[in-house]
N, C-alpha and C. Protein backbone atom coordinates (compact mmCIF):
# COMPACT_ATOMS: atom_id res chain seq x y z
N LYS A 1 0.93 -1.17 -0.15
CA LYS A 1 0.07 -0.06 -0.06
C LYS A 1 0.89 1.28 -0.25
N TYR A 2 1.91 1.50 0.55
CA TYR A 2 3.27 2.35 0.86
C TYR A 2 4.29 2.71 -0.20
N THR A 3 4.43 1.49 -0.95
CA THR A 3 5.37 1.31 -1.74
C THR A 3 5.21 2.54 -2.97
N LYS A 4 4.18 2.48 -2.78
CA LYS A 4 3.72 3.99 -4.26
C LYS A 4 3.31 5.12 -3.94
N PHE A 5 3.86 5.83 -4.25
CA PHE A 5 4.01 7.71 -3.99
C PHE A 5 4.65 8.21 -4.41
N SER A 6 3.84 9.95 -4.53
CA SER A 6 3.94 10.98 -5.33
C SER A 6 4.94 11.79 -4.29
N ILE A 7 5.86 12.50 -5.35
CA ILE A 7 6.56 13.46 -4.46
C ILE A 7 6.46 15.09 -5.28
N PHE A 8 5.65 15.71 -4.65
CA PHE A 8 5.37 16.84 -5.70
C PHE A 8 6.31 18.01 -4.53
N TYR A 9 7.05 18.96 -5.68
CA TYR A 9 8.01 20.38 -5.22
C TYR A 9 7.86 21.63 -5.59
N TYR A 10 7.02 21.72 -5.15
CA TYR A 10 6.56 23.62 -5.00
C TYR A 10 6.54 24.80 -4.33
N TRP A 11 6.64 26.27 -4.65
CA TRP A 11 7.26 27.14 -3.59
C TRP A 11 5.73 27.91 -3.19
N ILE A 12 5.88 28.68 -2.37
CA ILE A 12 4.37 29.24 -2.11
C ILE A 12 5.62 31.47 -2.16
N ASN A 13 4.69 32.39 -2.87
CA ASN A 13 5.33 33.24 -3.09
C ASN A 13 5.09 34.07 -1.96
N SER A 14 5.38 35.74 -1.72
CA SER A 14 5.35 36.58 -0.87
C SER A 14 3.77 36.23 -1.06
N LEU A 15 2.61 36.32 -2.10
CA LEU A 15 1.55 37.00 -2.40
C LEU A 15 0.58 35.79 -2.11
N GLY A 16 1.38 34.65 -1.18
CA GLY A 16 0.57 33.09 -1.35
C GLY A 16 0.35 32.56 -2.91
N GLN A 17 0.78 32.54 -3.63
CA GLN A 17 0.52 32.00 -4.79
C GLN A 17 0.65 30.69 -5.10
N LYS A 18 0.69 29.44 -5.06
CA LYS A 18 1.30 28.34 -5.06
C LYS A 18 1.46 27.70 -6.47
N THR A 19 3.42 27.10 -6.75
CA THR A 19 3.94 27.57 -7.78
C THR A 19 4.31 26.34 -7.94
N PRO A 20 3.89 24.95 -8.44
CA PRO A 20 4.51 23.95 -8.51
C PRO A 20 6.38 23.67 -9.51
N ILE A 21 6.69 23.52 -9.00
CA ILE A 21 8.43 22.85 -9.19
C ILE A 21 8.53 21.30 -10.08
N TYR A 22 8.35 20.28 -9.38
CA TYR A 22 8.53 19.10 -10.04
C TYR A 22 7.90 18.29 -9.35
N ASN A 23 7.73 17.14 -9.43
CA ASN A 23 7.18 16.54 -9.62
C ASN A 23 7.51 15.20 -9.74
N ARG A 24 7.84 14.33 -9.24
CA ARG A 24 7.64 12.47 -10.14
C ARG A 24 6.72 11.69 -8.77
N SER A 25 6.69 10.43 -9.67
CA SER A 25 6.66 8.89 -8.78
C SER A 25 7.38 7.71 -8.48
N GLU A 26 7.20 7.11 -7.27
CA GLU A 26 8.33 6.44 -6.46
C GLU A 26 7.46 4.71 -6.34
N ASN A 27 8.44 3.84 -6.92
CA ASN A 27 7.91 2.53 -6.26
C ASN A 27 9.14 1.85 -5.85
N VAL A 28 8.68 1.96 -4.46
CA VAL A 28 10.11 0.78 -3.63
C VAL A 28 10.01 -0.30 -3.41
N ASP A 29 10.24 -1.31 -4.01
CA ASP A 29 10.32 -2.14 -3.04
C ASP A 29 10.58 -2.71 -2.22
N ILE A 30 10.00 -3.86 -1.59
CA ILE A 30 10.06 -3.92 0.21
C ILE A 30 10.88 -4.68 0.00
N PRO A 31 12.57 -4.99 0.32
CA PRO A 31 13.28 -6.15 0.85
C PRO A 31 13.01 -7.06 1.59
N SER A 32 13.13 -8.80 1.38
CA SER A 32 12.12 -9.51 1.64
C SER A 32 12.65 -9.06 3.04
N GLY A 33 11.51 -9.89 4.62
CA GLY A 33 12.00 -9.50 5.86
C GLY A 33 12.26 -8.01 6.11
N SER A 34 11.82 -7.32 5.54
CA SER A 34 11.27 -6.14 5.79
C SER A 34 10.40 -5.29 5.90
N GLU A 35 9.37 -6.04 5.46
CA GLU A 35 7.59 -6.10 5.46
C GLU A 35 7.60 -5.63 7.22
N ASN A 36 6.24 -4.55 7.25
CA ASN A 36 5.70 -3.63 8.39
C ASN A 36 6.55 -3.57 9.43
N LYS A 37 7.82 -2.74 8.80
CA LYS A 37 9.29 -1.82 9.78
C LYS A 37 8.72 -0.54 8.53
N THR A 38 8.66 0.61 9.68
CA THR A 38 9.45 1.61 9.11
C THR A 38 10.79 1.90 8.13
N ALA A 39 10.61 2.53 7.69
CA ALA A 39 12.10 3.06 6.37
C ALA A 39 12.06 4.28 6.81
N THR A 40 12.68 4.66 5.90
CA THR A 40 13.32 6.32 5.54
C THR A 40 14.38 6.59 4.74
N VAL A 41 13.52 7.16 3.54
CA VAL A 41 14.33 7.43 1.95
C VAL A 41 14.23 8.81 1.95
N SER A 42 15.70 9.21 1.75
CA SER A 42 15.91 10.32 1.30
C SER A 42 15.91 10.92 -0.10
N TYR A 43 15.12 11.83 -0.16
CA TYR A 43 15.39 12.21 -1.84
C TYR A 43 15.92 14.17 -1.75
N ASP A 44 16.80 14.04 -2.93
CA ASP A 44 16.99 15.91 -2.91
C ASP A 44 16.68 15.53 -4.10
N HIS A 45 16.96 17.02 -4.02
CA HIS A 45 15.54 18.51 -5.30
C HIS A 45 16.62 19.28 -5.34
N SER A 46 17.29 19.49 -6.43
CA SER A 46 18.19 21.26 -6.51
C SER A 46 17.29 21.59 -7.90
N ILE A 47 17.49 22.69 -6.79
CA ILE A 47 16.58 24.12 -7.25
C ILE A 47 17.36 24.56 -8.37
N ILE A 48 17.28 25.00 -9.57
CA ILE A 48 18.01 25.81 -10.74
C ILE A 48 18.76 27.36 -10.30
N PRO A 49 19.52 28.15 -10.41
CA PRO A 49 20.01 29.39 -9.37
C PRO A 49 18.66 30.31 -10.22
N LEU A 50 18.49 31.83 -9.31
CA LEU A 50 17.50 31.76 -9.15
C LEU A 50 17.63 33.47 -10.06
N GLU A 51 17.01 33.29 -10.43
CA GLU A 51 17.05 34.47 -12.00
C GLU A 51 16.60 35.82 -11.06
N ASN A 52 15.85 35.39 -10.56
CA ASN A 52 15.67 37.78 -10.11
C ASN A 52 14.88 37.21 -8.91
N THR A 53 14.53 38.31 -8.13
CA THR A 53 14.39 38.51 -6.71
C THR A 53 12.61 37.80 -6.42
N SER A 54 12.18 37.94 -7.70
CA SER A 54 10.55 37.81 -7.68
C SER A 54 10.57 36.50 -6.47
N TYR A 55 11.24 34.90 -6.93
CA TYR A 55 11.80 33.88 -6.74
C TYR A 55 11.70 33.26 -5.05
N THR A 56 11.64 34.71 -4.14
CA THR A 56 11.89 35.11 -2.50
C THR A 56 10.02 33.82 -2.34
N GLY A 57 10.63 33.60 -1.62
CA GLY A 57 9.33 32.66 -0.77
C GLY A 57 9.66 30.71 -0.15
N THR A 58 8.81 30.19 0.16
CA THR A 58 9.07 29.54 1.00
C THR A 58 8.85 28.18 0.12
N TYR A 59 9.73 27.32 0.24
CA TYR A 59 9.56 26.12 -0.88
C TYR A 59 9.50 24.37 0.19
N TYR A 60 8.28 24.13 -0.76
CA TYR A 60 7.57 22.59 0.44
C TYR A 60 8.00 21.29 -0.16
N CYS A 61 8.00 20.33 -0.36
CA CYS A 61 8.16 19.11 -0.31
C CYS A 61 6.96 18.47 -0.06
N GLU A 62 5.91 17.92 -0.68
CA GLU A 62 4.91 16.95 -0.80
C GLU A 62 4.78 15.56 -0.72
N VAL A 63 4.34 14.43 0.00
CA VAL A 63 4.09 13.57 -0.53
C VAL A 63 3.19 12.78 -0.66
N LYS A 64 2.70 11.88 -1.44
CA LYS A 64 1.23 11.52 -1.36
C LYS A 64 0.74 10.09 -1.73
N TRP A 65 0.18 9.15 -0.17
CA TRP A 65 -0.09 8.29 -0.73
C TRP A 65 -1.35 7.95 -1.57
N ASN A 66 -1.93 7.24 -1.81
CA ASN A 66 -3.61 6.71 -2.34
C ASN A 66 -4.78 7.74 -1.25
N ASP A 67 -4.32 7.82 0.11
CA ASP A 67 -4.57 8.51 1.28
C ASP A 67 -4.80 8.87 2.30
N ILE A 68 -2.89 9.46 2.30
CA ILE A 68 -1.90 10.67 3.01
C ILE A 68 -1.65 11.09 2.78
N GLN A 69 -2.06 12.05 2.04
CA GLN A 69 -0.31 13.70 2.02
C GLN A 69 -0.11 14.07 3.42
N LYS A 70 2.20 13.93 3.45
CA LYS A 70 2.53 14.14 4.00
C LYS A 70 3.35 15.92 3.94
N MET A 71 3.39 16.51 4.31
CA MET A 71 4.04 18.18 3.55
C MET A 71 5.11 18.06 4.67
N GLY A 72 6.28 18.26 4.20
CA GLY A 72 7.39 19.23 4.98
C GLY A 72 6.70 20.19 5.55
N LYS A 73 7.99 20.83 6.09
CA LYS A 73 7.85 22.64 7.43
C LYS A 73 8.27 23.73 6.22
N GLY A 74 8.85 23.21 5.15
CA GLY A 74 9.19 24.15 4.13
C GLY A 74 10.70 24.62 4.44
N VAL A 75 11.38 25.26 3.60
CA VAL A 75 12.74 26.57 3.94
C VAL A 75 12.05 27.87 2.95
N PHE A 76 12.58 28.56 3.57
CA PHE A 76 12.12 29.88 3.00
C PHE A 76 13.31 30.86 2.33
N VAL A 77 14.01 31.22 0.89
CA VAL A 77 14.09 31.15 0.12
C VAL A 77 14.46 32.65 0.34
N LEU A 78 15.04 33.71 0.69
CA LEU A 78 15.37 34.93 -0.03
C LEU A 78 16.34 34.92 -1.28
N ALA A 79 16.02 35.71 -2.26
CA ALA A 79 16.79 35.66 -3.39
C ALA A 79 17.24 37.27 -4.00
N ARG A 80 18.42 37.43 -3.75
CA ARG A 80 18.66 38.61 -3.94
C ARG A 80 19.11 38.83 -5.28
N GLY A 81 19.12 40.46 -5.73
CA GLY A 81 19.53 40.72 -6.81
C GLY A 81 20.81 40.73 -7.42
N THR A 82 21.58 41.14 -6.59
CA THR A 82 23.47 41.62 -6.38
C THR A 82 23.80 39.82 -6.04
N GLY A 83 23.16 39.48 -4.76
CA GLY A 83 24.08 38.19 -3.95
C GLY A 83 24.46 38.79 -2.55
N TYR A 84 24.86 37.80 -1.86
CA TYR A 84 25.32 38.48 -0.77
C TYR A 84 27.19 39.45 -1.16
N MET A 85 27.08 40.87 -0.87
CA MET A 85 28.13 41.29 -0.92
C MET A 85 28.65 41.35 0.56
N GLU A 86 29.96 41.69 1.02
CA GLU A 86 30.21 41.74 2.28
C GLU A 86 30.75 43.10 2.70
N THR A 87 30.05 44.30 2.76
CA THR A 87 30.45 45.08 3.54
C THR A 87 31.74 45.18 4.51
N SER A 88 32.83 46.80 3.90
CA SER A 88 33.97 46.74 4.53
C SER A 88 33.95 47.60 4.53
N TYR A 89 33.96 48.55 5.84
CA TYR A 89 33.84 49.84 5.79
C TYR A 89 35.40 50.45 6.25
N GLY A 90 36.85 49.67 7.20
CA GLY A 90 37.21 49.38 8.15
C GLY A 90 38.65 50.54 7.50
N TRP A 91 38.22 50.40 5.34
CA TRP A 91 39.95 51.60 5.22
C TRP A 91 39.08 53.13 4.92
N GLU A 92 37.75 53.01 4.68
CA GLU A 92 37.28 54.30 4.58
C GLU A 92 37.12 54.84 5.99
N ILE A 93 37.05 54.19 7.23
CA ILE A 93 36.84 54.43 8.62
C ILE A 93 38.23 55.73 8.45
N LEU A 94 39.40 54.17 8.81
CA LEU A 94 40.69 54.21 9.44
C LEU A 94 40.92 56.18 8.01
N ILE A 95 40.98 56.54 6.95
CA ILE A 95 40.78 57.19 6.19
C ILE A 95 40.33 58.97 6.83
N THR A 96 39.33 58.50 7.03
CA THR A 96 38.46 59.56 7.69
C THR A 96 38.80 59.73 8.72
N LEU A 97 39.02 58.80 9.50
CA LEU A 97 39.92 59.11 11.11
C LEU A 97 40.69 60.14 10.91
N THR A 98 41.88 60.15 10.20
CA THR A 98 43.28 60.03 10.03
C THR A 98 42.82 61.77 9.19
N THR A 99 42.38 61.42 8.23
CA THR A 99 42.47 63.44 8.08
C THR A 99 41.46 64.44 8.72
N LEU A 100 40.50 64.37 9.53
CA LEU A 100 39.68 64.48 10.46
C LEU A 100 41.19 64.95 11.76
N LEU A 101 42.48 63.86 11.94
CA LEU A 101 42.96 64.61 12.64
C LEU A 101 43.99 64.94 13.08
N ALA A 102 44.31 64.70 11.09
CA ALA A 102 45.07 65.71 10.97
C ALA A 102 44.88 67.61 10.72
N ALA A 103 43.42 67.25 10.29
CA ALA A 103 42.99 68.72 10.54
C ALA A 103 42.54 69.62 11.28
N LEU A 104 41.78 68.60 12.44
CA LEU A 104 41.92 68.88 13.52
C LEU A 104 43.78 69.74 14.25
N SER A 105 45.21 68.91 14.34
CA SER A 105 45.85 69.22 14.69
C SER A 105 46.88 70.62 13.97
N ILE A 106 46.75 71.16 12.86
CA ILE A 106 46.24 71.73 11.74
C ILE A 106 46.01 73.14 12.40
N THR A 107 44.79 72.51 12.66
CA THR A 107 44.16 74.24 13.01
C THR A 107 45.21 74.26 14.17
N ALA A 108 44.84 73.84 15.16
CA ALA A 108 45.63 73.50 16.54
C ALA A 108 46.75 74.50 16.86
N THR A 109 47.31 74.03 16.13
CA THR A 109 48.90 74.38 15.89
C THR A 109 48.88 75.93 15.05
N ALA A 110 48.38 76.21 13.94
CA ALA A 110 47.55 77.70 13.93
C ALA A 110 47.55 78.51 14.61
N LEU A 111 45.95 78.02 15.41
CA LEU A 111 46.24 78.82 16.24
C LEU A 111 46.86 78.96 17.54
N LEU A 112 47.50 78.00 18.32
CA LEU A 112 48.29 78.55 19.04
C LEU A 112 49.31 79.34 18.74
N LEU A 113 50.03 79.64 17.28
CA LEU A 113 51.10 80.29 16.39
C LEU A 113 50.18 81.77 16.49
N TRP A 114 49.00 81.65 16.24
CA TRP A 114 48.13 83.06 15.86
C TRP A 114 48.28 83.91 17.21
N LYS A 115 48.00 83.29 17.94
CA LYS A 115 48.01 83.90 19.77
C LYS A 115 49.37 84.21 20.33
N ARG A 116 50.28 83.11 19.45
CA ARG A 116 51.79 83.42 19.94
C ARG A 116 51.78 84.56 19.62
N LYS A 117 51.62 85.60 18.16
CA LYS A 117 51.82 86.84 17.71
C LYS A 117 50.82 87.93 18.89
């Protein structure tokens, strides 16, 4: 009864629309001596590279037997236009701080010299 089932992959976008991605039917043979035992079988599915930010949403896997259906918890995927970029402001902060200190030092020296005269 449970050896024939279908696997469905789909995603739900931010508007709640369900979009099918892929599905397939399986027929698993039960080895002799393994009847009436719980078995776990893993199935992997890779999605193509996401083309734009409209592919953001929650991706699900669902398995259907004759009278039973089970759905996974889903995986949320955030698609970004430029991908992840590490932001590093180290050099910018160092140059800004050095320039500020140099300007303050020159101003203080000029004020001291002006006050002497």
